[in-house]
Amino acid sequence: MENMNPESLLRRAQMLGDDIKEMESIDVLGAYRQAQAKIIEDRRKKMYNQLMRYAAFLTIPLLLSSLILGYLYWGGEETGEKYAEVMAARGSIIRYELPDHSVVWLNSGSTLRYPTVFKKDNRNVELKGEAYFEVEADHERPFYVNTPGGLSVYVYGTKFNVNAYEDDSYVETVLEKGKVNVISPDGKTIAQLVPGEQLRYNKLERELSKNKVDVYEKVAWKDGKLIFRNTELGEIFERLERHFNVDIQFNNISGKEYKYRATFRNETLPQILDYLAKSAALKWRTEEAVQQEDDTFTKKKIIVDLY
């Protein structure tokens, strides 16, 4: 530096001064703030993009769940259908009103199963035993009575009787008022009844037969009456068994056939048997109920011999 002349020193000093001025003119704090703002903005964009991806990922199952729940609530409301069951104890008759205000009488030892809320297009019930129906008219929703043998009866509003005890060899439908359609178990035959007609389905032979009957004879049981019109002893004893909740063993030793015409209301079983014995050589005896190992009792047994 000692060899440098004054002019050179002056130029260097001026150049250094210019550099210092240029450095002083730079806004370091502002640049720092801009850089920080850019970093924050970049982070926000990155986070936003990630959140959108997560939202899309979560929205799909949420949407599906909503659709499923909506279907179950609105479209699938019938999948949770609930049923009720009403039963008439042996030796009793009960009257019951269904959700649609139809009325049913159940005979001794009969059971009716039905949905607590009927569907919009039909009213289905299941019957085991015997029942008399007074169906509330509704042409938009036919009323179906389904039996264990597969026979179905459907109506829109009428009065009729269905006899469908599981231990009987037949299912029987009798129409008192209105119109009844009976569907065979295979679904191939539909028979229509008019008042006063009976349709009987033979379970063993799988045959349908239709004939005229005395309707009140068939439905008087709901009023506590036993009416027989040209009825054979075998059928009489079947009805007496259910009415009085006993077992009747009928031994036709003579092989003769007797038919009876009678009406009973408040008579006891011994009184009825005595009446039947007036026109036929009937002898009968009683075996009292016996307690079994499970502490239940057998039914009282009546043994009837025809000589």
C-alpha atoms as a PDB file:
ATOM      1  CA  MET A   1       0.000   0.000   0.000  1.00  0.00           C
ATOM      2  CA  GLU A   2       2.950   2.294   0.550  1.00  0.00           C
ATOM      3  CA  ASN A   3       3.766   2.145  -3.198  1.00  0.00           C
ATOM      4  CA  MET A   4       0.247   3.274  -4.159  1.00  0.00           C
ATOM      5  CA  ASN A   5      -0.163   6.920  -5.096  1.00  0.00           C
ATOM      6  CA  PRO A   6      -2.839   9.125  -3.564  1.00  0.00           C
ATOM      7  CA  GLU A   7      -5.141   8.863  -6.582  1.00  0.00           C
ATOM      8  CA  SER A   8      -5.330   5.068  -6.383  1.00  0.00           C
ATOM      9  CA  LEU A   9      -6.112   5.245  -2.701  1.00  0.00           C
ATOM     10  CA  LEU A  10      -8.852   7.710  -3.361  1.00  0.00           C
ATOM     11  CA  ARG A  11     -10.493   5.479  -6.032  1.00  0.00           C
ATOM     12  CA  ARG A  12     -10.397   2.496  -3.721  1.00  0.00           C
ATOM     13  CA  ALA A  13     -11.955   4.483  -0.957  1.00  0.00           C
ATOM     14  CA  GLN A  14     -14.701   5.641  -3.270  1.00  0.00           C
ATOM     15  CA  MET A  15     -15.415   2.053  -4.459  1.00  0.00           C
ATOM     16  CA  LEU A  16     -15.520   0.813  -0.861  1.00  0.00           C
ATOM     17  CA  GLY A  17     -17.886   3.630   0.007  1.00  0.00           C
ATOM     18  CA  ASP A  18     -20.166   2.695  -2.889  1.00  0.00           C
ATOM     19  CA  ASP A  19     -20.234  -0.985  -1.723  1.00  0.00           C
ATOM     20  CA  ILE A  20     -21.072   0.100   1.804  1.00  0.00           C
ATOM     21  CA  LYS A  21     -23.905   2.301   0.541  1.00  0.00           C
ATOM     22  CA  GLU A  22     -25.286  -0.549  -1.601  1.00  0.00           C
ATOM     23  CA  MET A  23     -25.211  -2.953   1.372  1.00  0.00           C
ATOM     24  CA  GLU A  24     -26.893  -0.380   3.574  1.00  0.00           C
ATOM     25  CA  SER A  25     -29.624   0.054   0.967  1.00  0.00           C
ATOM     26  CA  ILE A  26     -30.656  -3.641   1.240  1.00  0.00           C
ATOM     27  CA  ASP A  27     -33.763  -4.192   3.527  1.00  0.00           C
ATOM     28  CA  VAL A  28     -32.540  -7.248   5.400  1.00  0.00           C
ATOM     29  CA  LEU A  29     -35.494  -7.300   7.827  1.00  0.00           C
ATOM     30  CA  GLY A  30     -38.011  -6.998   4.994  1.00  0.00           C
ATOM     31  CA  ALA A  31     -36.340  -9.794   3.072  1.00  0.00           C
ATOM     32  CA  TYR A  32     -36.383 -11.953   6.183  1.00  0.00           C
ATOM     33  CA  ARG A  33     -40.088 -11.257   6.659  1.00  0.00           C
ATOM     34  CA  GLN A  34     -40.845 -12.099   3.024  1.00  0.00           C
ATOM     35  CA  ALA A  35     -38.977 -15.343   3.311  1.00  0.00           C
ATOM     36  CA  GLN A  36     -40.886 -16.259   6.487  1.00  0.00           C
ATOM     37  CA  ALA A  37     -44.201 -15.393   4.855  1.00  0.00           C
ATOM     38  CA  LYS A  38     -43.376 -17.589   1.861  1.00  0.00           C
ATOM     39  CA  ILE A  39     -42.455 -20.505   4.117  1.00  0.00           C
ATOM     40  CA  ILE A  40     -45.724 -20.134   6.054  1.00  0.00           C
ATOM     41  CA  GLU A  41     -47.738 -19.908   2.851  1.00  0.00           C
ATOM     42  CA  ASP A  42     -46.047 -23.029   1.476  1.00  0.00           C
ATOM     43  CA  ARG A  43     -46.830 -24.875   4.717  1.00  0.00           C
ATOM     44  CA  ARG A  44     -50.466 -23.790   4.547  1.00  0.00           C
ATOM     45  CA  LYS A  45     -50.835 -25.039   0.984  1.00  0.00           C
ATOM     46  CA  LYS A  46     -49.209 -28.345   1.875  1.00  0.00           C
ATOM     47  CA  MET A  47     -51.454 -28.787   4.931  1.00  0.00           C
ATOM     48  CA  TYR A  48     -54.559 -27.841   2.941  1.00  0.00           C
ATOM     49  CA  ASN A  49     -53.747 -30.411   0.260  1.00  0.00           C
ATOM     50  CA  GLN A  50     -53.233 -33.094   2.928  1.00  0.00           C
ATOM     51  CA  LEU A  51     -56.501 -32.208   4.654  1.00  0.00           C
ATOM     52  CA  MET A  52     -58.396 -32.398   1.379  1.00  0.00           C
ATOM     53  CA  ARG A  53     -56.973 -35.852   0.726  1.00  0.00           C
ATOM     54  CA  TYR A  54     -57.974 -36.962   4.235  1.00  0.00           C
ATOM     55  CA  ALA A  55     -61.438 -35.461   3.814  1.00  0.00           C
ATOM     56  CA  ALA A  56     -61.949 -37.299   0.558  1.00  0.00           C
ATOM     57  CA  PHE A  57     -60.795 -40.518   2.208  1.00  0.00           C
ATOM     58  CA  LEU A  58     -63.194 -40.061   5.161  1.00  0.00           C
ATOM     59  CA  THR A  59     -66.157 -38.792   3.141  1.00  0.00           C
ATOM     60  CA  ILE A  60     -66.588 -41.983   1.100  1.00  0.00           C
ATOM     61  CA  PRO A  61     -67.247 -44.340   4.039  1.00  0.00           C
ATOM     62  CA  LEU A  62     -69.249 -41.641   5.787  1.00  0.00           C
ATOM     63  CA  LEU A  63     -71.423 -41.265   2.723  1.00  0.00           C
ATOM     64  CA  LEU A  64     -71.816 -45.033   2.403  1.00  0.00           C
ATOM     65  CA  SER A  65     -72.724 -45.289   6.076  1.00  0.00           C
ATOM     66  CA  SER A  66     -75.347 -42.596   5.654  1.00  0.00           C
ATOM     67  CA  LEU A  67     -76.821 -44.365   2.652  1.00  0.00           C
ATOM     68  CA  ILE A  68     -76.917 -47.717   4.476  1.00  0.00           C
ATOM     69  CA  LEU A  69     -78.504 -46.207   7.573  1.00  0.00           C
ATOM     70  CA  GLY A  70     -81.046 -44.399   5.435  1.00  0.00           C
ATOM     71  CA  TYR A  71     -81.925 -47.605   3.597  1.00  0.00           C
ATOM     72  CA  LEU A  72     -82.294 -49.510   6.841  1.00  0.00           C
ATOM     73  CA  TYR A  73     -84.494 -46.784   8.291  1.00  0.00           C
ATOM     74  CA  TRP A  74     -86.655 -46.073   5.279  1.00  0.00           C
ATOM     75  CA  GLY A  75     -86.287 -48.838   2.695  1.00  0.00           C
ATOM     76  CA  GLY A  76     -85.504 -51.690   5.069  1.00  0.00           C
ATOM     77  CA  GLU A  77     -87.994 -50.965   7.796  1.00  0.00           C
ATOM     78  CA  GLU A  78     -89.700 -54.325   7.331  1.00  0.00           C
ATOM     79  CA  THR A  79     -86.539 -56.360   8.039  1.00  0.00           C
ATOM     80  CA  GLY A  80     -87.079 -55.836  11.769  1.00  0.00           C
ATOM     81  CA  GLU A  81     -90.656 -57.136  11.692  1.00  0.00           C
ATOM     82  CA  LYS A  82     -91.903 -58.235  15.098  1.00  0.00           C
ATOM     83  CA  TYR A  83     -94.508 -60.886  15.796  1.00  0.00           C
ATOM     84  CA  ALA A  84     -96.987 -61.573  18.552  1.00  0.00           C
ATOM     85  CA  GLU A  85     -98.703 -64.810  19.450  1.00  0.00           C
ATOM     86  CA  VAL A  86    -102.008 -65.443  21.165  1.00  0.00           C
ATOM     87  CA  MET A  87    -103.134 -68.866  22.366  1.00  0.00           C
ATOM     88  CA  ALA A  88    -106.371 -70.348  23.696  1.00  0.00           C
ATOM     89  CA  ALA A  89    -105.681 -72.863  26.450  1.00  0.00           C
ATOM     90  CA  ARG A  90    -107.257 -76.274  26.048  1.00  0.00           C
ATOM     91  CA  GLY A  91    -110.832 -76.240  27.223  1.00  0.00           C
ATOM     92  CA  SER A  92    -111.200 -72.484  26.635  1.00  0.00           C
ATOM     93  CA  ILE A  93    -112.362 -70.063  23.932  1.00  0.00           C
ATOM     94  CA  ILE A  94    -111.005 -66.516  23.624  1.00  0.00           C
ATOM     95  CA  ARG A  95    -111.902 -63.438  21.600  1.00  0.00           C
ATOM     96  CA  TYR A  96    -109.073 -61.206  20.369  1.00  0.00           C
ATOM     97  CA  GLU A  97    -108.731 -58.016  18.316  1.00  0.00           C
ATOM     98  CA  LEU A  98    -105.893 -57.696  15.783  1.00  0.00           C
ATOM     99  CA  PRO A  99    -103.952 -54.480  14.939  1.00  0.00           C
ATOM    100  CA  ASP A 100    -106.215 -53.767  11.932  1.00  0.00           C
ATOM    101  CA  HIS A 101    -109.325 -54.091  14.176  1.00  0.00           C
ATOM    102  CA  SER A 102    -110.272 -57.468  12.724  1.00  0.00           C
ATOM    103  CA  VAL A 103    -111.659 -59.793  15.397  1.00  0.00           C
ATOM    104  CA  VAL A 104    -110.759 -63.447  15.883  1.00  0.00           C
ATOM    105  CA  TRP A 105    -112.155 -66.160  18.152  1.00  0.00           C
ATOM    106  CA  LEU A 106    -109.724 -68.957  18.995  1.00  0.00           C
ATOM    107  CA  ASN A 107    -111.019 -72.399  19.847  1.00  0.00           C
ATOM    108  CA  SER A 108    -109.534 -74.704  22.476  1.00  0.00           C
ATOM    109  CA  GLY A 109    -105.815 -75.432  22.003  1.00  0.00           C
ATOM    110  CA  SER A 110    -105.418 -72.981  19.079  1.00  0.00           C
ATOM    111  CA  THR A 111    -102.599 -70.516  18.389  1.00  0.00           C
ATOM    112  CA  LEU A 112    -102.534 -67.422  16.170  1.00  0.00           C
ATOM    113  CA  ARG A 113     -99.251 -65.726  15.195  1.00  0.00           C
ATOM    114  CA  TYR A 114     -99.313 -62.275  13.559  1.00  0.00           C
ATOM    115  CA  PRO A 115     -97.043 -59.227  12.972  1.00  0.00           C
ATOM    116  CA  THR A 116     -97.491 -56.437  15.498  1.00  0.00           C
ATOM    117  CA  VAL A 117     -97.742 -54.040  12.530  1.00  0.00           C
ATOM    118  CA  PHE A 118     -99.277 -55.313   9.301  1.00  0.00           C
ATOM    119  CA  LYS A 119     -97.501 -54.538   6.024  1.00  0.00           C
ATOM    120  CA  LYS A 120     -98.773 -51.944   3.576  1.00  0.00           C
ATOM    121  CA  ASP A 121     -99.871 -54.475   0.943  1.00  0.00           C
ATOM    122  CA  ASN A 122    -101.106 -57.476   2.959  1.00  0.00           C
ATOM    123  CA  ARG A 123    -102.144 -58.813   6.371  1.00  0.00           C
ATOM    124  CA  ASN A 124    -100.638 -62.239   7.036  1.00  0.00           C
ATOM    125  CA  VAL A 125    -101.453 -64.434  10.045  1.00  0.00           C
ATOM    126  CA  GLU A 126    -100.550 -68.036  10.885  1.00  0.00           C
ATOM    127  CA  LEU A 127    -103.096 -70.354  12.465  1.00  0.00           C
ATOM    128  CA  LYS A 128    -102.675 -73.649  14.273  1.00  0.00           C
ATOM    129  CA  GLY A 129    -106.046 -74.965  15.415  1.00  0.00           C
ATOM    130  CA  GLU A 130    -109.450 -73.440  14.792  1.00  0.00           C
ATOM    131  CA  ALA A 131    -110.477 -69.801  14.521  1.00  0.00           C
ATOM    132  CA  TYR A 132    -113.448 -67.736  13.471  1.00  0.00           C
ATOM    133  CA  PHE A 133    -112.558 -64.447  11.762  1.00  0.00           C
ATOM    134  CA  GLU A 134    -114.422 -61.176  11.273  1.00  0.00           C
ATOM    135  CA  VAL A 135    -112.016 -59.398   8.939  1.00  0.00           C
ATOM    136  CA  GLU A 136    -112.071 -55.611   8.666  1.00  0.00           C
ATOM    137  CA  ALA A 137    -112.571 -54.704   4.996  1.00  0.00           C
ATOM    138  CA  ASP A 138    -109.496 -53.293   3.223  1.00  0.00           C
ATOM    139  CA  HIS A 139    -109.280 -53.822  -0.541  1.00  0.00           C
ATOM    140  CA  GLU A 140    -105.714 -52.505  -0.623  1.00  0.00           C
ATOM    141  CA  ARG A 141    -104.477 -55.179   1.800  1.00  0.00           C
ATOM    142  CA  PRO A 142    -105.843 -58.714   1.500  1.00  0.00           C
ATOM    143  CA  PHE A 143    -105.996 -60.749   4.706  1.00  0.00           C
ATOM    144  CA  TYR A 144    -104.191 -64.122   4.543  1.00  0.00           C
ATOM    145  CA  VAL A 145    -104.647 -67.057   6.943  1.00  0.00           C
ATOM    146  CA  ASN A 146    -101.797 -69.551   6.543  1.00  0.00           C
ATOM    147  CA  THR A 147    -102.096 -73.067   7.989  1.00  0.00           C
ATOM    148  CA  PRO A 148     -99.470 -75.712   8.890  1.00  0.00           C
ATOM    149  CA  GLY A 149    -100.650 -77.942   6.031  1.00  0.00           C
ATOM    150  CA  GLY A 150     -99.764 -75.235   3.506  1.00  0.00           C
ATOM    151  CA  LEU A 151    -103.353 -74.263   2.718  1.00  0.00           C
ATOM    152  CA  SER A 152    -103.949 -70.487   2.622  1.00  0.00           C
ATOM    153  CA  VAL A 153    -107.164 -68.502   2.800  1.00  0.00           C
ATOM    154  CA  TYR A 154    -107.289 -64.886   1.630  1.00  0.00           C
ATOM    155  CA  VAL A 155    -110.072 -62.332   1.853  1.00  0.00           C
ATOM    156  CA  TYR A 156    -110.600 -58.565   1.798  1.00  0.00           C
ATOM    157  CA  GLY A 157    -113.311 -58.371   4.420  1.00  0.00           C
ATOM    158  CA  THR A 158    -115.658 -61.120   5.509  1.00  0.00           C
ATOM    159  CA  LYS A 159    -116.702 -63.671   8.179  1.00  0.00           C
ATOM    160  CA  PHE A 160    -115.390 -67.214   7.987  1.00  0.00           C
ATOM    161  CA  ASN A 161    -114.095 -70.171   9.994  1.00  0.00           C
ATOM    162  CA  VAL A 162    -110.845 -72.106   9.533  1.00  0.00           C
ATOM    163  CA  ASN A 163    -110.271 -75.480  11.192  1.00  0.00           C
ATOM    164  CA  ALA A 164    -106.581 -76.459  10.929  1.00  0.00           C
ATOM    165  CA  TYR A 165    -105.583 -78.623  13.889  1.00  0.00           C
ATOM    166  CA  GLU A 166    -102.240 -80.269  13.156  1.00  0.00           C
ATOM    167  CA  ASP A 167    -103.361 -83.717  14.352  1.00  0.00           C
ATOM    168  CA  ASP A 168    -106.425 -83.739  12.046  1.00  0.00           C
ATOM    169  CA  SER A 169    -106.255 -85.311   8.590  1.00  0.00           C
ATOM    170  CA  TYR A 170    -107.944 -82.301   6.990  1.00  0.00           C
ATOM    171  CA  VAL A 171    -108.083 -78.494   6.874  1.00  0.00           C
ATOM    172  CA  GLU A 172    -111.547 -76.985   6.628  1.00  0.00           C
ATOM    173  CA  THR A 173    -112.800 -73.522   5.660  1.00  0.00           C
ATOM    174  CA  VAL A 174    -116.432 -72.446   6.048  1.00  0.00           C
ATOM    175  CA  LEU A 175    -117.763 -69.113   4.804  1.00  0.00           C
ATOM    176  CA  GLU A 176    -120.527 -67.283   6.619  1.00  0.00           C
ATOM    177  CA  LYS A 177    -120.500 -63.909   4.852  1.00  0.00           C
ATOM    178  CA  GLY A 178    -118.673 -62.238   1.960  1.00  0.00           C
ATOM    179  CA  LYS A 179    -116.216 -64.032  -0.319  1.00  0.00           C
ATOM    180  CA  VAL A 180    -113.262 -66.318   0.415  1.00  0.00           C
ATOM    181  CA  ASN A 181    -110.445 -67.559  -1.809  1.00  0.00           C
ATOM    182  CA  VAL A 182    -108.621 -70.750  -0.820  1.00  0.00           C
ATOM    183  CA  ILE A 183    -105.168 -71.557  -2.230  1.00  0.00           C
ATOM    184  CA  SER A 184    -104.042 -75.190  -2.318  1.00  0.00           C
ATOM    185  CA  PRO A 185    -100.648 -76.055  -0.735  1.00  0.00           C
ATOM    186  CA  ASP A 186     -99.006 -76.428  -4.155  1.00  0.00           C
ATOM    187  CA  GLY A 187    -100.325 -73.000  -5.188  1.00  0.00           C
ATOM    188  CA  LYS A 188    -101.849 -74.398  -8.389  1.00  0.00           C
ATOM    189  CA  THR A 189    -105.512 -74.308  -7.371  1.00  0.00           C
ATOM    190  CA  ILE A 190    -107.581 -71.388  -6.137  1.00  0.00           C
ATOM    191  CA  ALA A 191    -111.127 -72.168  -5.029  1.00  0.00           C
ATOM    192  CA  GLN A 192    -113.678 -69.480  -4.307  1.00  0.00           C
ATOM    193  CA  LEU A 193    -116.420 -69.919  -1.699  1.00  0.00           C
ATOM    194  CA  VAL A 194    -119.800 -68.264  -1.397  1.00  0.00           C
ATOM    195  CA  PRO A 195    -121.756 -68.028   1.891  1.00  0.00           C
ATOM    196  CA  GLY A 196    -122.907 -71.424   3.120  1.00  0.00           C
ATOM    197  CA  GLU A 197    -120.092 -73.358   1.460  1.00  0.00           C
ATOM    198  CA  GLN A 198    -117.334 -75.440   3.002  1.00  0.00           C
ATOM    199  CA  LEU A 199    -114.008 -76.346   1.433  1.00  0.00           C
ATOM    200  CA  ARG A 200    -112.126 -79.298   2.896  1.00  0.00           C
ATOM    201  CA  TYR A 201    -108.536 -80.244   2.054  1.00  0.00           C
ATOM    202  CA  ASN A 202    -107.529 -83.850   2.717  1.00  0.00           C
ATOM    203  CA  LYS A 203    -103.891 -83.787   3.840  1.00  0.00           C
ATOM    204  CA  LEU A 204    -103.244 -87.450   3.074  1.00  0.00           C
ATOM    205  CA  GLU A 205    -104.848 -87.581  -0.369  1.00  0.00           C
ATOM    206  CA  ARG A 206    -104.037 -83.942  -1.159  1.00  0.00           C
ATOM    207  CA  GLU A 207    -107.505 -83.341  -2.529  1.00  0.00           C
ATOM    208  CA  LEU A 208    -109.927 -80.418  -2.285  1.00  0.00           C
ATOM    209  CA  SER A 209    -113.682 -80.881  -1.986  1.00  0.00           C
ATOM    210  CA  LYS A 210    -116.444 -78.267  -1.750  1.00  0.00           C
ATOM    211  CA  ASN A 211    -120.008 -78.670  -0.469  1.00  0.00           C
ATOM    212  CA  LYS A 212    -122.921 -76.892   1.214  1.00  0.00           C
ATOM    213  CA  VAL A 213    -123.089 -77.009   5.025  1.00  0.00           C
ATOM    214  CA  ASP A 214    -125.048 -75.719   7.975  1.00  0.00           C
ATOM    215  CA  VAL A 215    -122.765 -72.775   8.773  1.00  0.00           C
ATOM    216  CA  TYR A 216    -123.999 -72.219  12.315  1.00  0.00           C
ATOM    217  CA  GLU A 217    -123.217 -75.828  13.180  1.00  0.00           C
ATOM    218  CA  LYS A 218    -119.601 -75.123  12.214  1.00  0.00           C
ATOM    219  CA  VAL A 219    -119.211 -71.754  13.939  1.00  0.00           C
ATOM    220  CA  ALA A 220    -121.454 -72.057  17.018  1.00  0.00           C
ATOM    221  CA  TRP A 221    -118.453 -73.118  19.117  1.00  0.00           C
ATOM    222  CA  LYS A 222    -117.447 -69.433  19.415  1.00  0.00           C
ATOM    223  CA  ASP A 223    -120.715 -68.876  21.325  1.00  0.00           C
ATOM    224  CA  GLY A 224    -119.990 -71.794  23.634  1.00  0.00           C
ATOM    225  CA  LYS A 225    -122.381 -74.156  21.845  1.00  0.00           C
ATOM    226  CA  LEU A 226    -121.873 -77.649  20.471  1.00  0.00           C
ATOM    227  CA  ILE A 227    -124.193 -78.268  17.517  1.00  0.00           C
ATOM    228  CA  PHE A 228    -124.332 -81.572  15.682  1.00  0.00           C
ATOM    229  CA  ARG A 229    -126.312 -82.054  12.475  1.00  0.00           C
ATOM    230  CA  ASN A 230    -126.250 -85.608  11.134  1.00  0.00           C
ATOM    231  CA  THR A 231    -122.817 -86.044  12.715  1.00  0.00           C
ATOM    232  CA  GLU A 232    -121.085 -89.382  13.209  1.00  0.00           C
ATOM    233  CA  LEU A 233    -119.910 -90.518  16.650  1.00  0.00           C
ATOM    234  CA  GLY A 234    -116.239 -90.374  15.700  1.00  0.00           C
ATOM    235  CA  GLU A 235    -116.449 -86.656  14.823  1.00  0.00           C
ATOM    236  CA  ILE A 236    -118.576 -85.942  17.888  1.00  0.00           C
ATOM    237  CA  PHE A 237    -115.950 -87.418  20.181  1.00  0.00           C
ATOM    238  CA  GLU A 238    -113.166 -85.403  18.456  1.00  0.00           C
ATOM    239  CA  ARG A 239    -115.025 -82.176  19.167  1.00  0.00           C
ATOM    240  CA  LEU A 240    -115.851 -83.219  22.719  1.00  0.00           C
ATOM    241  CA  GLU A 241    -112.155 -83.933  23.357  1.00  0.00           C
ATOM    242  CA  ARG A 242    -111.157 -80.355  22.510  1.00  0.00           C
ATOM    243  CA  HIS A 243    -114.142 -78.739  24.143  1.00  0.00           C
ATOM    244  CA  PHE A 244    -113.610 -80.465  27.501  1.00  0.00           C
ATOM    245  CA  ASN A 245    -109.817 -80.979  27.246  1.00  0.00           C
ATOM    246  CA  VAL A 246    -109.927 -84.739  27.725  1.00  0.00           C
ATOM    247  CA  ASP A 247    -108.775 -87.813  25.799  1.00  0.00           C
ATOM    248  CA  ILE A 248    -111.606 -89.967  24.451  1.00  0.00           C
ATOM    249  CA  GLN A 249    -110.817 -93.486  23.326  1.00  0.00           C
ATOM    250  CA  PHE A 250    -113.666 -94.702  21.133  1.00  0.00           C
ATOM    251  CA  ASN A 251    -113.883 -98.458  20.567  1.00  0.00           C
ATOM    252  CA  ASN A 252    -116.525 -99.364  17.959  1.00  0.00           C
ATOM    253  CA  ILE A 253    -116.883-103.014  18.832  1.00  0.00           C
ATOM    254  CA  SER A 254    -120.152-103.475  16.965  1.00  0.00           C
ATOM    255  CA  GLY A 255    -118.954-101.790  13.765  1.00  0.00           C
ATOM    256  CA  LYS A 256    -122.254 -99.922  13.511  1.00  0.00           C
ATOM    257  CA  GLU A 257    -122.485 -96.268  12.469  1.00  0.00           C
ATOM    258  CA  TYR A 258    -124.660 -93.774  14.315  1.00  0.00           C
ATOM    259  CA  LYS A 259    -125.387 -90.155  13.399  1.00  0.00           C
ATOM    260  CA  TYR A 260    -126.795 -87.553  15.759  1.00  0.00           C
ATOM    261  CA  ARG A 261    -128.668 -84.276  15.628  1.00  0.00           C
ATOM    262  CA  ALA A 262    -128.322 -82.346  18.885  1.00  0.00           C
ATOM    263  CA  THR A 263    -127.414 -78.995  20.450  1.00  0.00           C
ATOM    264  CA  PHE A 264    -125.506 -78.648  23.732  1.00  0.00           C
ATOM    265  CA  ARG A 265    -124.634 -75.494  25.598  1.00  0.00           C
ATOM    266  CA  ASN A 266    -124.100 -75.841  29.338  1.00  0.00           C
ATOM    267  CA  GLU A 267    -124.225 -79.626  29.662  1.00  0.00           C
ATOM    268  CA  THR A 268    -121.331 -81.486  31.298  1.00  0.00           C
ATOM    269  CA  LEU A 269    -119.462 -84.236  29.470  1.00  0.00           C
ATOM    270  CA  PRO A 270    -121.169 -87.034  31.496  1.00  0.00           C
ATOM    271  CA  GLN A 271    -124.564 -85.518  30.641  1.00  0.00           C
ATOM    272  CA  ILE A 272    -123.721 -85.505  26.914  1.00  0.00           C
ATOM    273  CA  LEU A 273    -122.432 -89.089  27.016  1.00  0.00           C
ATOM    274  CA  ASP A 274    -125.597 -90.178  28.807  1.00  0.00           C
ATOM    275  CA  TYR A 275    -127.676 -88.509  26.081  1.00  0.00           C
ATOM    276  CA  LEU A 276    -125.700 -90.293  23.330  1.00  0.00           C
ATOM    277  CA  ALA A 277    -126.111 -93.612  25.153  1.00  0.00           C
ATOM    278  CA  LYS A 278    -129.919 -93.336  24.963  1.00  0.00           C
ATOM    279  CA  SER A 279    -129.946 -94.218  21.255  1.00  0.00           C
ATOM    280  CA  ALA A 280    -126.906 -96.508  21.054  1.00  0.00           C
ATOM    281  CA  ALA A 281    -125.382 -99.288  23.164  1.00  0.00           C
ATOM    282  CA  LEU A 282    -122.646 -97.077  24.615  1.00  0.00           C
ATOM    283  CA  LYS A 283    -120.727 -97.855  27.778  1.00  0.00           C
ATOM    284  CA  TRP A 284    -118.146 -95.476  29.114  1.00  0.00           C
ATOM    285  CA  ARG A 285    -115.735 -95.177  32.023  1.00  0.00           C
ATOM    286  CA  THR A 286    -113.232 -92.599  33.261  1.00  0.00           C
ATOM    287  CA  GLU A 287    -109.525 -92.857  34.011  1.00  0.00           C
ATOM    288  CA  GLU A 288    -108.389 -89.937  36.131  1.00  0.00           C
ATOM    289  CA  ALA A 289    -105.337 -87.821  35.335  1.00  0.00           C
ATOM    290  CA  VAL A 290    -102.012 -89.243  36.525  1.00  0.00           C
ATOM    291  CA  GLN A 291     -98.977 -87.257  37.684  1.00  0.00           C
ATOM    292  CA  GLN A 292     -95.906 -87.933  35.547  1.00  0.00           C
ATOM    293  CA  GLU A 293     -92.182 -87.915  36.401  1.00  0.00           C
ATOM    294  CA  ASP A 294     -91.845 -84.273  35.329  1.00  0.00           C
ATOM    295  CA  ASP A 295     -94.679 -83.325  37.747  1.00  0.00           C
ATOM    296  CA  THR A 296     -97.132 -82.654  34.905  1.00  0.00           C
ATOM    297  CA  PHE A 297    -100.441 -84.481  34.703  1.00  0.00           C
ATOM    298  CA  THR A 298    -101.906 -86.521  31.899  1.00  0.00           C
ATOM    299  CA  LYS A 299    -105.347 -85.622  30.615  1.00  0.00           C
ATOM    300  CA  LYS A 300    -108.397 -87.291  32.047  1.00  0.00           C
ATOM    301  CA  LYS A 301    -109.213 -90.218  29.771  1.00  0.00           C
ATOM    302  CA  ILE A 302    -112.701 -91.354  28.794  1.00  0.00           C
ATOM    303  CA  ILE A 303    -113.004 -94.849  27.329  1.00  0.00           C
ATOM    304  CA  VAL A 304    -116.190 -95.326  25.281  1.00  0.00           C
ATOM    305  CA  ASP A 305    -117.257 -98.737  23.943  1.00  0.00           C
ATOM    306  CA  LEU A 306    -119.993 -99.178  21.344  1.00  0.00           C
ATOM    307  CA  TYR A 307    -121.580-102.652  21.430  1.00  0.00           C
END
